[in-house]
């Protein structure tokens, strides 16, 4: 009840790694269907995340999902799906791959987890947080960053100013927190260089 109609800002620490790099894009923590269902259950208005996407990279086309199924190479030179399986095992990886999930846990378990998405014609393991959350009218903000650490665990007024883009489905946006200066967390200011991060001043 406390979160109903609120904007929820997630600080996972990924914003501190923001860069045009594999570390930020290929290895972001991300979310999935369970997070999306939690957001819907708690009736939040918007979820702003400091990660490269609403979904874990393996739920996107960077992994083995979507129309392109890129399965990008990771830092080891192997596809990121293989790296994940080597590190966490096939059972952990299964949440990102429809056929692996069904093979290991059965079609009934898959339908219980992803059935609502499949029923509307969506591939369940491909961007499930996007589809479930946005499909329930919850706005998503990706790559939230800047001075996020200054407002972590605080209540504040959240403003989001996207570009005006006719028929667009996503764009860059400026996010602003309105909060009394005395309420800010005592952390250094963040300074971003173009395409990377400068150390705090």
N, C-alpha and C. Protein backbone atom coordinates (compact mmCIF):
# COMPACT_ATOMS: atom_id res chain seq x y z
N UNK A 1 0.82 -1.19 0.00
CA UNK A 1 0.00 0.00 0.00
C UNK A 1 0.86 1.25 0.00
N UNK A 2 1.98 1.21 0.71
CA UNK A 2 2.86 2.37 0.82
C UNK A 2 3.45 2.77 -0.53
N UNK A 3 3.63 1.83 -1.45
CA UNK A 3 4.25 2.12 -2.74
C UNK A 3 3.25 2.47 -3.84
N UNK A 4 1.97 2.30 -3.58
CA UNK A 4 0.97 2.54 -4.61
C UNK A 4 1.06 3.97 -5.15
N UNK A 5 1.17 4.09 -6.48
CA UNK A 5 1.24 5.39 -7.12
C UNK A 5 2.57 6.09 -6.99
N UNK A 6 3.57 5.42 -6.44
CA UNK A 6 4.88 6.04 -6.21
C UNK A 6 5.84 5.71 -7.35
N UNK A 7 6.92 6.49 -7.42
CA UNK A 7 8.05 6.20 -8.31
C UNK A 7 9.10 5.50 -7.46
N UNK A 8 9.53 4.34 -7.90
CA UNK A 8 10.52 3.55 -7.17
C UNK A 8 11.85 3.66 -7.91
N UNK A 9 12.88 4.16 -7.25
CA UNK A 9 14.21 4.29 -7.85
C UNK A 9 15.11 3.20 -7.29
N UNK A 10 15.63 2.34 -8.17
CA UNK A 10 16.51 1.24 -7.75
C UNK A 10 17.96 1.64 -7.91
N UNK A 11 18.71 1.52 -6.83
CA UNK A 11 20.15 1.80 -6.84
C UNK A 11 20.89 0.49 -6.60
N UNK A 12 21.36 -0.13 -7.67
CA UNK A 12 22.12 -1.38 -7.56
C UNK A 12 23.62 -1.12 -7.55
N UNK A 13 24.02 0.11 -7.83
CA UNK A 13 25.43 0.45 -7.95
C UNK A 13 25.94 0.43 -9.38
N UNK A 14 25.12 -0.06 -10.31
CA UNK A 14 25.57 -0.13 -11.71
C UNK A 14 25.83 1.26 -12.30
N UNK A 15 25.14 2.27 -11.80
CA UNK A 15 25.36 3.62 -12.35
C UNK A 15 26.79 4.09 -12.13
N UNK A 16 27.47 3.53 -11.15
CA UNK A 16 28.87 3.89 -10.90
C UNK A 16 29.79 3.30 -11.97
N UNK A 17 29.28 2.33 -12.72
CA UNK A 17 30.07 1.70 -13.78
C UNK A 17 29.64 2.16 -15.17
N UNK A 18 28.76 3.17 -15.22
CA UNK A 18 28.22 3.61 -16.51
C UNK A 18 29.35 3.95 -17.47
N UNK A 19 29.30 3.33 -18.63
CA UNK A 19 30.28 3.54 -19.69
C UNK A 19 29.80 2.74 -20.89
N UNK A 20 30.35 3.01 -22.03
CA UNK A 20 30.04 2.22 -23.22
C UNK A 20 30.96 1.01 -23.20
N UNK A 21 30.69 0.09 -22.28
CA UNK A 21 31.61 -1.02 -22.05
C UNK A 21 30.85 -2.33 -21.81
N UNK A 22 31.57 -3.43 -21.95
CA UNK A 22 30.98 -4.74 -21.64
C UNK A 22 30.63 -4.82 -20.17
N UNK A 23 31.47 -4.24 -19.32
CA UNK A 23 31.20 -4.31 -17.88
C UNK A 23 29.81 -3.75 -17.56
N UNK A 24 29.45 -2.64 -18.20
CA UNK A 24 28.16 -2.02 -17.92
C UNK A 24 27.02 -2.71 -18.66
N UNK A 25 27.20 -2.99 -19.93
CA UNK A 25 26.10 -3.53 -20.73
C UNK A 25 25.96 -5.04 -20.64
N UNK A 26 27.03 -5.79 -20.78
CA UNK A 26 26.95 -7.25 -20.79
C UNK A 26 26.74 -7.84 -19.40
N UNK A 27 27.27 -7.16 -18.37
CA UNK A 27 27.28 -7.75 -17.03
C UNK A 27 26.45 -6.97 -16.02
N UNK A 28 25.48 -6.23 -16.48
CA UNK A 28 24.57 -5.52 -15.58
C UNK A 28 23.73 -6.54 -14.82
N UNK A 29 23.28 -6.17 -13.63
CA UNK A 29 22.49 -7.13 -12.85
C UNK A 29 21.10 -7.33 -13.45
N UNK A 30 20.37 -6.30 -13.76
CA UNK A 30 19.07 -6.44 -14.41
C UNK A 30 18.00 -7.10 -13.56
N UNK A 31 16.78 -7.16 -14.11
CA UNK A 31 15.65 -7.78 -13.41
C UNK A 31 15.00 -8.80 -14.35
N UNK A 32 13.81 -9.23 -14.00
CA UNK A 32 13.09 -10.21 -14.82
C UNK A 32 11.62 -10.23 -14.44
N UNK A 33 10.97 -11.33 -14.72
CA UNK A 33 9.53 -11.46 -14.52
C UNK A 33 9.13 -11.34 -13.05
N UNK A 34 9.94 -11.88 -12.14
CA UNK A 34 9.58 -11.83 -10.72
C UNK A 34 9.56 -10.39 -10.21
N UNK A 35 10.54 -9.59 -10.63
CA UNK A 35 10.55 -8.18 -10.24
C UNK A 35 9.35 -7.46 -10.84
N UNK A 36 9.06 -7.73 -12.10
CA UNK A 36 7.92 -7.08 -12.77
C UNK A 36 6.61 -7.39 -12.04
N UNK A 37 6.43 -8.64 -11.66
CA UNK A 37 5.21 -9.02 -10.94
C UNK A 37 5.14 -8.31 -9.58
N UNK A 38 6.28 -8.14 -8.93
CA UNK A 38 6.33 -7.44 -7.65
C UNK A 38 5.93 -5.98 -7.83
N UNK A 39 6.46 -5.33 -8.88
CA UNK A 39 6.12 -3.92 -9.15
C UNK A 39 4.62 -3.78 -9.40
N UNK A 40 4.06 -4.70 -10.18
CA UNK A 40 2.63 -4.65 -10.49
C UNK A 40 1.81 -4.89 -9.22
N UNK A 41 2.20 -5.89 -8.43
CA UNK A 41 1.49 -6.20 -7.19
C UNK A 41 1.45 -5.00 -6.25
N UNK A 42 2.54 -4.25 -6.19
CA UNK A 42 2.62 -3.10 -5.29
C UNK A 42 2.13 -1.80 -5.94
N UNK A 43 1.65 -1.89 -7.17
CA UNK A 43 0.99 -0.78 -7.86
C UNK A 43 1.84 0.48 -7.95
N UNK A 44 3.14 0.31 -8.19
CA UNK A 44 3.98 1.49 -8.36
C UNK A 44 3.63 2.17 -9.68
N UNK A 45 3.91 3.45 -9.76
CA UNK A 45 3.59 4.24 -10.95
C UNK A 45 4.72 4.15 -11.98
N UNK A 46 5.94 4.11 -11.48
CA UNK A 46 7.12 4.13 -12.34
C UNK A 46 8.26 3.45 -11.61
N UNK A 47 9.13 2.76 -12.35
CA UNK A 47 10.35 2.18 -11.78
C UNK A 47 11.53 2.73 -12.56
N UNK A 48 12.41 3.43 -11.86
CA UNK A 48 13.63 3.98 -12.47
C UNK A 48 14.81 3.17 -11.95
N UNK A 49 15.60 2.61 -12.87
CA UNK A 49 16.69 1.70 -12.50
C UNK A 49 18.02 2.26 -12.98
N UNK A 50 19.07 1.96 -12.24
CA UNK A 50 20.40 2.42 -12.65
C UNK A 50 21.13 1.39 -13.51
N UNK A 51 20.38 0.55 -14.18
CA UNK A 51 20.96 -0.52 -15.00
C UNK A 51 20.73 -0.22 -16.47
N UNK A 52 21.43 -0.95 -17.33
CA UNK A 52 21.38 -0.72 -18.78
C UNK A 52 20.01 -0.98 -19.38
N UNK A 53 19.19 -1.75 -18.72
CA UNK A 53 17.85 -2.05 -19.22
C UNK A 53 16.98 -2.49 -18.05
N UNK A 54 15.68 -2.50 -18.25
CA UNK A 54 14.79 -3.01 -17.21
C UNK A 54 15.06 -4.48 -16.95
N UNK A 55 15.47 -5.20 -17.99
CA UNK A 55 15.73 -6.64 -17.88
C UNK A 55 17.22 -6.93 -17.80
N UNK A 56 17.54 -8.07 -17.19
CA UNK A 56 18.91 -8.59 -17.18
C UNK A 56 19.38 -8.73 -18.63
N UNK A 57 20.67 -8.50 -18.92
CA UNK A 57 21.17 -8.62 -20.30
C UNK A 57 20.82 -9.95 -20.98
N UNK A 58 20.78 -11.05 -20.22
CA UNK A 58 20.47 -12.34 -20.83
C UNK A 58 18.99 -12.48 -21.19
N UNK A 59 18.15 -11.59 -20.68
CA UNK A 59 16.74 -11.56 -21.08
C UNK A 59 16.56 -10.73 -22.36
N UNK A 60 17.63 -10.10 -22.83
CA UNK A 60 17.54 -9.24 -24.02
C UNK A 60 18.20 -9.93 -25.21
N UNK A 61 18.24 -9.23 -26.33
CA UNK A 61 18.88 -9.77 -27.53
C UNK A 61 20.39 -9.91 -27.35
N UNK A 62 20.96 -9.29 -26.32
CA UNK A 62 22.39 -9.48 -26.04
C UNK A 62 22.68 -10.93 -25.69
N UNK A 63 21.69 -11.59 -25.11
CA UNK A 63 21.80 -13.01 -24.79
C UNK A 63 21.27 -13.84 -25.95
N UNK A 64 20.51 -14.87 -25.64
CA UNK A 64 19.98 -15.76 -26.67
C UNK A 64 18.47 -15.58 -26.80
N UNK A 65 18.02 -14.32 -26.81
CA UNK A 65 16.60 -14.00 -26.87
C UNK A 65 16.31 -13.00 -27.97
N UNK A 66 15.05 -12.81 -28.25
CA UNK A 66 14.63 -11.80 -29.21
C UNK A 66 14.81 -12.23 -30.65
N UNK A 67 14.51 -11.31 -31.53
CA UNK A 67 14.57 -11.59 -32.96
C UNK A 67 16.01 -11.83 -33.42
N UNK A 68 16.95 -11.08 -32.86
CA UNK A 68 18.34 -11.18 -33.34
C UNK A 68 19.15 -12.25 -32.62
N UNK A 69 18.80 -12.54 -31.35
CA UNK A 69 19.51 -13.57 -30.57
C UNK A 69 21.02 -13.44 -30.76
N UNK A 70 21.57 -12.28 -30.43
CA UNK A 70 22.97 -11.99 -30.69
C UNK A 70 23.94 -12.86 -29.90
N UNK A 71 23.60 -13.18 -28.64
CA UNK A 71 24.49 -13.96 -27.79
C UNK A 71 25.91 -13.40 -27.87
N UNK A 72 26.05 -12.15 -27.47
CA UNK A 72 27.31 -11.42 -27.60
C UNK A 72 28.46 -12.09 -26.86
N UNK A 73 29.66 -11.81 -27.33
CA UNK A 73 30.85 -12.34 -26.68
C UNK A 73 31.15 -11.54 -25.42
N UNK A 74 31.51 -12.24 -24.37
CA UNK A 74 31.86 -11.60 -23.12
C UNK A 74 33.35 -11.34 -23.02
N UNK A 75 33.80 -10.96 -21.84
CA UNK A 75 35.20 -10.63 -21.61
C UNK A 75 36.13 -11.82 -21.86
N UNK A 76 35.63 -13.03 -21.68
CA UNK A 76 36.44 -14.23 -21.87
C UNK A 76 36.61 -14.61 -23.34
N UNK A 77 35.82 -13.97 -24.20
CA UNK A 77 35.81 -14.34 -25.61
C UNK A 77 34.73 -15.35 -25.94
N UNK A 78 34.08 -15.89 -24.91
CA UNK A 78 32.97 -16.83 -25.10
C UNK A 78 31.66 -16.05 -25.08
N UNK A 79 30.58 -16.62 -25.64
CA UNK A 79 29.27 -15.96 -25.54
C UNK A 79 28.88 -15.77 -24.07
N UNK A 80 28.18 -14.67 -23.79
CA UNK A 80 27.82 -14.38 -22.40
C UNK A 80 26.92 -15.45 -21.80
N UNK A 81 26.15 -16.14 -22.63
CA UNK A 81 25.32 -17.24 -22.10
C UNK A 81 26.21 -18.36 -21.56
N UNK A 82 27.27 -18.70 -22.29
CA UNK A 82 28.20 -19.75 -21.84
C UNK A 82 28.91 -19.32 -20.56
N UNK A 83 29.33 -18.06 -20.51
CA UNK A 83 29.99 -17.56 -19.29
C UNK A 83 29.08 -17.72 -18.08
N UNK A 84 27.81 -17.35 -18.25
CA UNK A 84 26.85 -17.42 -17.15
C UNK A 84 26.66 -18.85 -16.69
N UNK A 85 26.49 -19.78 -17.63
CA UNK A 85 26.30 -21.19 -17.28
C UNK A 85 27.53 -21.73 -16.55
N UNK A 86 28.72 -21.38 -17.02
CA UNK A 86 29.95 -21.83 -16.35
C UNK A 86 30.03 -21.30 -14.92
N UNK A 87 29.58 -20.07 -14.72
CA UNK A 87 29.69 -19.44 -13.41
C UNK A 87 28.58 -19.87 -12.45
N UNK A 88 27.35 -19.98 -12.94
CA UNK A 88 26.20 -20.21 -12.06
C UNK A 88 25.45 -21.51 -12.29
N UNK A 89 25.72 -22.19 -13.39
CA UNK A 89 25.06 -23.46 -13.68
C UNK A 89 23.86 -23.30 -14.59
N UNK A 90 23.47 -24.43 -15.19
CA UNK A 90 22.38 -24.42 -16.17
C UNK A 90 21.03 -24.11 -15.52
N UNK A 91 20.81 -24.56 -14.28
CA UNK A 91 19.52 -24.29 -13.62
C UNK A 91 19.33 -22.79 -13.40
N UNK A 92 20.38 -22.09 -13.00
CA UNK A 92 20.28 -20.64 -12.80
C UNK A 92 20.07 -19.94 -14.14
N UNK A 93 20.73 -20.43 -15.18
CA UNK A 93 20.60 -19.83 -16.51
C UNK A 93 19.20 -20.03 -17.10
N UNK A 94 18.52 -21.09 -16.70
CA UNK A 94 17.24 -21.46 -17.32
C UNK A 94 16.21 -20.34 -17.33
N UNK A 95 16.23 -19.44 -16.35
CA UNK A 95 15.23 -18.36 -16.33
C UNK A 95 15.36 -17.44 -17.54
N UNK A 96 16.52 -17.49 -18.22
CA UNK A 96 16.75 -16.63 -19.37
C UNK A 96 16.46 -17.32 -20.70
N UNK A 97 16.18 -18.61 -20.70
CA UNK A 97 16.04 -19.37 -21.94
C UNK A 97 14.81 -20.28 -21.87
N UNK A 98 13.85 -20.00 -22.71
CA UNK A 98 12.58 -20.73 -22.72
C UNK A 98 12.77 -22.24 -22.81
N UNK A 99 13.59 -22.68 -23.76
CA UNK A 99 13.73 -24.12 -24.00
C UNK A 99 14.51 -24.81 -22.88
N UNK A 100 15.51 -24.14 -22.33
CA UNK A 100 16.25 -24.70 -21.20
C UNK A 100 15.33 -24.80 -19.98
N UNK A 101 14.51 -23.77 -19.75
CA UNK A 101 13.58 -23.78 -18.62
C UNK A 101 12.61 -24.95 -18.72
N UNK A 102 12.02 -25.12 -19.90
CA UNK A 102 11.06 -26.21 -20.11
C UNK A 102 11.75 -27.56 -19.96
N UNK A 103 12.96 -27.69 -20.49
CA UNK A 103 13.71 -28.95 -20.40
C UNK A 103 13.98 -29.32 -18.94
N UNK A 104 14.38 -28.34 -18.14
CA UNK A 104 14.75 -28.62 -16.75
C UNK A 104 13.57 -28.68 -15.79
N UNK A 105 12.57 -27.82 -15.99
CA UNK A 105 11.50 -27.68 -15.00
C UNK A 105 10.12 -28.08 -15.52
N UNK A 106 9.98 -28.26 -16.82
CA UNK A 106 8.71 -28.67 -17.39
C UNK A 106 7.88 -27.51 -17.92
N UNK A 107 7.00 -27.83 -18.84
CA UNK A 107 6.15 -26.82 -19.48
C UNK A 107 5.18 -26.19 -18.49
N UNK A 108 4.68 -26.97 -17.55
CA UNK A 108 3.74 -26.44 -16.56
C UNK A 108 4.40 -25.35 -15.71
N UNK A 109 5.63 -25.60 -15.27
CA UNK A 109 6.36 -24.60 -14.48
C UNK A 109 6.65 -23.36 -15.32
N UNK A 110 6.99 -23.57 -16.58
CA UNK A 110 7.24 -22.43 -17.48
C UNK A 110 5.97 -21.59 -17.63
N UNK A 111 4.85 -22.26 -17.85
CA UNK A 111 3.58 -21.54 -18.03
C UNK A 111 3.18 -20.80 -16.76
N UNK A 112 3.49 -21.36 -15.61
CA UNK A 112 3.18 -20.68 -14.35
C UNK A 112 3.97 -19.38 -14.24
N UNK A 113 5.23 -19.42 -14.66
CA UNK A 113 6.10 -18.26 -14.53
C UNK A 113 5.88 -17.24 -15.66
N UNK A 114 5.78 -17.72 -16.89
CA UNK A 114 5.74 -16.83 -18.05
C UNK A 114 4.44 -16.89 -18.84
N UNK A 115 3.47 -17.67 -18.37
CA UNK A 115 2.25 -17.91 -19.12
C UNK A 115 1.47 -16.67 -19.50
N UNK A 116 1.41 -15.68 -18.61
CA UNK A 116 0.66 -14.46 -18.94
C UNK A 116 1.24 -13.77 -20.17
N UNK A 117 2.57 -13.79 -20.27
CA UNK A 117 3.21 -13.17 -21.44
C UNK A 117 2.98 -14.01 -22.70
N UNK A 118 3.12 -15.31 -22.56
CA UNK A 118 2.92 -16.20 -23.71
C UNK A 118 1.48 -16.10 -24.22
N UNK A 119 0.52 -15.92 -23.31
CA UNK A 119 -0.89 -15.86 -23.68
C UNK A 119 -1.21 -14.66 -24.58
N UNK A 120 -0.40 -13.61 -24.48
CA UNK A 120 -0.63 -12.44 -25.34
C UNK A 120 0.34 -12.42 -26.52
N UNK A 121 0.98 -13.56 -26.77
CA UNK A 121 1.84 -13.68 -27.94
C UNK A 121 3.27 -13.26 -27.76
N UNK A 122 3.71 -13.09 -26.51
CA UNK A 122 5.09 -12.69 -26.24
C UNK A 122 5.94 -13.91 -25.87
N UNK A 123 7.18 -13.88 -26.27
CA UNK A 123 8.17 -14.89 -25.87
C UNK A 123 8.48 -14.62 -24.41
N UNK A 124 8.18 -15.54 -23.52
CA UNK A 124 8.26 -15.29 -22.08
C UNK A 124 9.61 -14.86 -21.54
N UNK A 125 10.70 -15.43 -22.05
CA UNK A 125 12.02 -15.10 -21.50
C UNK A 125 12.67 -13.91 -22.19
N UNK A 126 12.02 -13.35 -23.20
CA UNK A 126 12.57 -12.19 -23.89
C UNK A 126 11.99 -10.91 -23.31
N UNK A 127 12.81 -10.18 -22.57
CA UNK A 127 12.45 -8.92 -21.93
C UNK A 127 11.14 -9.00 -21.14
N UNK A 128 11.04 -9.97 -20.23
CA UNK A 128 9.78 -10.14 -19.49
C UNK A 128 9.44 -8.97 -18.58
N UNK A 129 10.43 -8.31 -17.99
CA UNK A 129 10.12 -7.17 -17.13
C UNK A 129 9.54 -6.04 -17.97
N UNK A 130 10.18 -5.76 -19.12
CA UNK A 130 9.63 -4.74 -20.03
C UNK A 130 8.16 -5.03 -20.32
N UNK A 131 7.90 -6.22 -20.80
CA UNK A 131 6.57 -6.54 -21.31
C UNK A 131 5.52 -6.59 -20.21
N UNK A 132 5.86 -7.18 -19.07
CA UNK A 132 4.89 -7.32 -17.99
C UNK A 132 4.63 -5.98 -17.32
N UNK A 133 5.70 -5.29 -16.96
CA UNK A 133 5.59 -4.03 -16.24
C UNK A 133 4.94 -2.96 -17.13
N UNK A 134 5.48 -2.77 -18.32
CA UNK A 134 4.93 -1.75 -19.22
C UNK A 134 3.52 -2.13 -19.65
N UNK A 135 3.27 -3.42 -19.82
CA UNK A 135 1.94 -3.89 -20.19
C UNK A 135 0.89 -3.63 -19.12
N UNK A 136 1.34 -3.41 -17.90
CA UNK A 136 0.42 -3.06 -16.81
C UNK A 136 0.45 -1.55 -16.52
N UNK A 137 0.97 -0.78 -17.46
CA UNK A 137 0.92 0.68 -17.35
C UNK A 137 1.96 1.31 -16.45
N UNK A 138 2.99 0.56 -16.08
CA UNK A 138 4.05 1.11 -15.23
C UNK A 138 5.17 1.61 -16.14
N UNK A 139 5.53 2.87 -15.98
CA UNK A 139 6.60 3.47 -16.78
C UNK A 139 7.95 2.98 -16.28
N UNK A 140 8.89 2.80 -17.19
CA UNK A 140 10.24 2.38 -16.84
C UNK A 140 11.27 3.40 -17.25
N UNK A 141 12.25 3.62 -16.40
CA UNK A 141 13.39 4.49 -16.70
C UNK A 141 14.65 3.65 -16.54
N UNK A 142 15.48 3.63 -17.57
CA UNK A 142 16.74 2.87 -17.54
C UNK A 142 17.92 3.83 -17.43
N UNK A 143 19.06 3.33 -17.02
CA UNK A 143 20.31 4.09 -16.95
C UNK A 143 20.22 5.29 -16.01
N UNK A 144 19.41 5.18 -14.96
CA UNK A 144 19.32 6.25 -13.97
C UNK A 144 20.69 6.40 -13.32
N UNK A 145 21.15 7.60 -13.18
CA UNK A 145 22.50 7.75 -12.63
C UNK A 145 22.71 9.09 -11.98
N UNK A 146 23.83 9.70 -12.29
CA UNK A 146 24.15 11.00 -11.70
C UNK A 146 24.36 10.86 -10.21
N UNK A 147 23.72 11.73 -9.46
CA UNK A 147 23.88 11.75 -8.01
C UNK A 147 22.84 10.89 -7.30
N UNK A 148 22.56 9.73 -7.85
CA UNK A 148 21.58 8.81 -7.27
C UNK A 148 21.91 8.46 -5.82
N UNK A 149 23.20 8.32 -5.51
CA UNK A 149 23.60 7.96 -4.15
C UNK A 149 23.18 9.03 -3.13
N UNK A 150 23.02 10.27 -3.57
CA UNK A 150 22.63 11.35 -2.66
C UNK A 150 21.18 11.21 -2.19
N UNK A 151 20.35 10.49 -2.96
CA UNK A 151 18.93 10.38 -2.59
C UNK A 151 18.51 8.94 -2.28
N UNK A 152 19.47 8.02 -2.21
CA UNK A 152 19.15 6.63 -1.91
C UNK A 152 18.54 6.53 -0.51
N UNK A 153 17.46 5.76 -0.41
CA UNK A 153 16.70 5.57 0.84
C UNK A 153 16.03 6.86 1.33
N UNK A 154 15.76 7.77 0.42
CA UNK A 154 15.09 9.03 0.76
C UNK A 154 13.78 9.12 -0.02
N UNK A 155 12.85 9.91 0.51
CA UNK A 155 11.63 10.24 -0.23
C UNK A 155 11.86 11.61 -0.86
N UNK A 156 11.51 11.71 -2.14
CA UNK A 156 11.69 12.97 -2.85
C UNK A 156 10.71 13.03 -4.01
N UNK A 157 10.56 14.22 -4.55
CA UNK A 157 9.71 14.38 -5.73
C UNK A 157 10.57 14.07 -6.95
N UNK A 158 10.07 13.17 -7.81
CA UNK A 158 10.82 12.69 -8.97
C UNK A 158 10.24 13.32 -10.24
N UNK A 159 11.11 13.94 -11.02
CA UNK A 159 10.71 14.50 -12.31
C UNK A 159 11.50 13.80 -13.41
N UNK A 160 10.84 13.54 -14.51
CA UNK A 160 11.50 12.91 -15.66
C UNK A 160 11.11 13.70 -16.91
N UNK A 161 12.12 14.18 -17.64
CA UNK A 161 11.88 15.01 -18.81
C UNK A 161 12.42 14.31 -20.07
N UNK A 162 11.59 13.49 -20.71
CA UNK A 162 12.04 12.81 -21.94
C UNK A 162 12.02 13.76 -23.14
N UNK A 163 12.75 13.39 -24.18
CA UNK A 163 12.69 14.12 -25.44
C UNK A 163 11.29 13.97 -26.03
N UNK A 164 10.87 14.98 -26.73
CA UNK A 164 9.57 14.88 -27.40
C UNK A 164 9.81 14.11 -28.70
N UNK A 165 9.22 12.91 -28.79
CA UNK A 165 9.49 12.02 -29.92
C UNK A 165 8.18 11.40 -30.36
N UNK A 166 7.65 11.88 -31.45
CA UNK A 166 6.37 11.41 -31.97
C UNK A 166 6.47 9.92 -32.31
N UNK A 167 5.58 9.13 -31.75
CA UNK A 167 5.48 7.68 -31.98
C UNK A 167 6.69 6.90 -31.47
N UNK A 168 7.55 7.54 -30.71
CA UNK A 168 8.71 6.84 -30.16
C UNK A 168 8.30 5.97 -28.98
N UNK A 169 9.10 4.95 -28.71
CA UNK A 169 8.78 4.08 -27.56
C UNK A 169 9.85 4.13 -26.49
N UNK A 170 10.84 4.98 -26.66
CA UNK A 170 11.88 5.15 -25.65
C UNK A 170 12.87 6.19 -26.12
N UNK A 171 13.43 6.92 -25.18
CA UNK A 171 14.40 7.96 -25.55
C UNK A 171 15.20 8.39 -24.32
N UNK A 172 16.19 9.23 -24.56
CA UNK A 172 16.95 9.81 -23.46
C UNK A 172 16.02 10.72 -22.64
N UNK A 173 16.30 10.82 -21.35
CA UNK A 173 15.50 11.67 -20.48
C UNK A 173 16.39 12.25 -19.39
N UNK A 174 16.03 13.42 -18.93
CA UNK A 174 16.72 14.03 -17.79
C UNK A 174 15.85 13.77 -16.58
N UNK A 175 16.42 13.14 -15.56
CA UNK A 175 15.69 12.87 -14.32
C UNK A 175 16.20 13.80 -13.22
N UNK A 176 15.28 14.34 -12.46
CA UNK A 176 15.62 15.31 -11.42
C UNK A 176 14.91 14.93 -10.13
N UNK A 177 15.63 15.03 -9.02
CA UNK A 177 15.05 14.80 -7.69
C UNK A 177 14.89 16.14 -6.99
N UNK A 178 13.68 16.42 -6.51
CA UNK A 178 13.46 17.61 -5.70
C UNK A 178 13.43 17.17 -4.25
N UNK A 179 14.41 17.64 -3.49
CA UNK A 179 14.56 17.24 -2.09
C UNK A 179 15.27 18.36 -1.35
N UNK A 180 14.94 18.54 -0.10
CA UNK A 180 15.62 19.55 0.72
C UNK A 180 17.10 19.20 0.81
N UNK A 181 17.95 20.18 0.63
CA UNK A 181 19.40 19.95 0.63
C UNK A 181 19.88 19.29 1.93
N UNK A 182 19.22 19.59 3.04
CA UNK A 182 19.60 19.00 4.32
C UNK A 182 19.30 17.50 4.38
N UNK A 183 18.44 17.02 3.49
CA UNK A 183 18.05 15.61 3.47
C UNK A 183 18.98 14.74 2.63
N UNK A 184 19.86 15.34 1.84
CA UNK A 184 20.74 14.58 0.96
C UNK A 184 21.73 13.73 1.75
N UNK A 185 22.05 12.56 1.21
CA UNK A 185 23.12 11.74 1.79
C UNK A 185 24.46 12.42 1.54
N UNK A 186 25.35 12.30 2.50
CA UNK A 186 26.66 12.95 2.41
C UNK A 186 27.62 12.07 1.60
N UNK A 187 27.54 12.19 0.29
CA UNK A 187 28.42 11.46 -0.62
C UNK A 187 28.98 12.45 -1.63
N UNK A 188 30.14 12.15 -2.23
CA UNK A 188 30.72 13.07 -3.22
C UNK A 188 29.84 13.23 -4.45
N UNK A 189 29.93 14.41 -5.08
CA UNK A 189 29.25 14.64 -6.35
C UNK A 189 29.83 13.72 -7.41
N UNK A 190 29.00 13.26 -8.33
CA UNK A 190 29.47 12.44 -9.46
C UNK A 190 29.71 13.36 -10.65
N UNK A 191 30.80 13.13 -11.35
CA UNK A 191 31.10 13.89 -12.55
C UNK A 191 31.31 12.90 -13.68
N UNK A 192 30.49 13.02 -14.74
CA UNK A 192 30.57 12.11 -15.87
C UNK A 192 31.31 12.77 -17.02
N UNK A 193 32.30 12.09 -17.55
CA UNK A 193 32.96 12.49 -18.77
C UNK A 193 32.16 11.89 -19.92
N UNK A 194 32.27 12.44 -21.10
CA UNK A 194 31.57 11.85 -22.24
C UNK A 194 32.08 10.43 -22.46
N UNK A 195 31.19 9.45 -22.40
CA UNK A 195 31.56 8.06 -22.65
C UNK A 195 32.26 7.39 -21.50
N UNK A 196 32.29 7.99 -20.33
CA UNK A 196 32.93 7.35 -19.20
C UNK A 196 32.75 8.16 -17.94
N UNK A 197 33.43 7.75 -16.89
CA UNK A 197 33.27 8.40 -15.59
C UNK A 197 34.61 8.94 -15.14
N UNK A 198 34.59 10.17 -14.68
CA UNK A 198 35.76 10.73 -14.02
C UNK A 198 35.65 10.41 -12.54
N UNK A 199 36.76 10.23 -11.86
CA UNK A 199 36.68 9.99 -10.41
C UNK A 199 36.06 11.19 -9.69
N UNK A 200 35.43 10.97 -8.53
CA UNK A 200 34.84 12.09 -7.79
C UNK A 200 35.89 13.15 -7.49
N UNK A 201 35.45 14.41 -7.52
CA UNK A 201 36.38 15.52 -7.24
C UNK A 201 36.53 15.72 -5.76
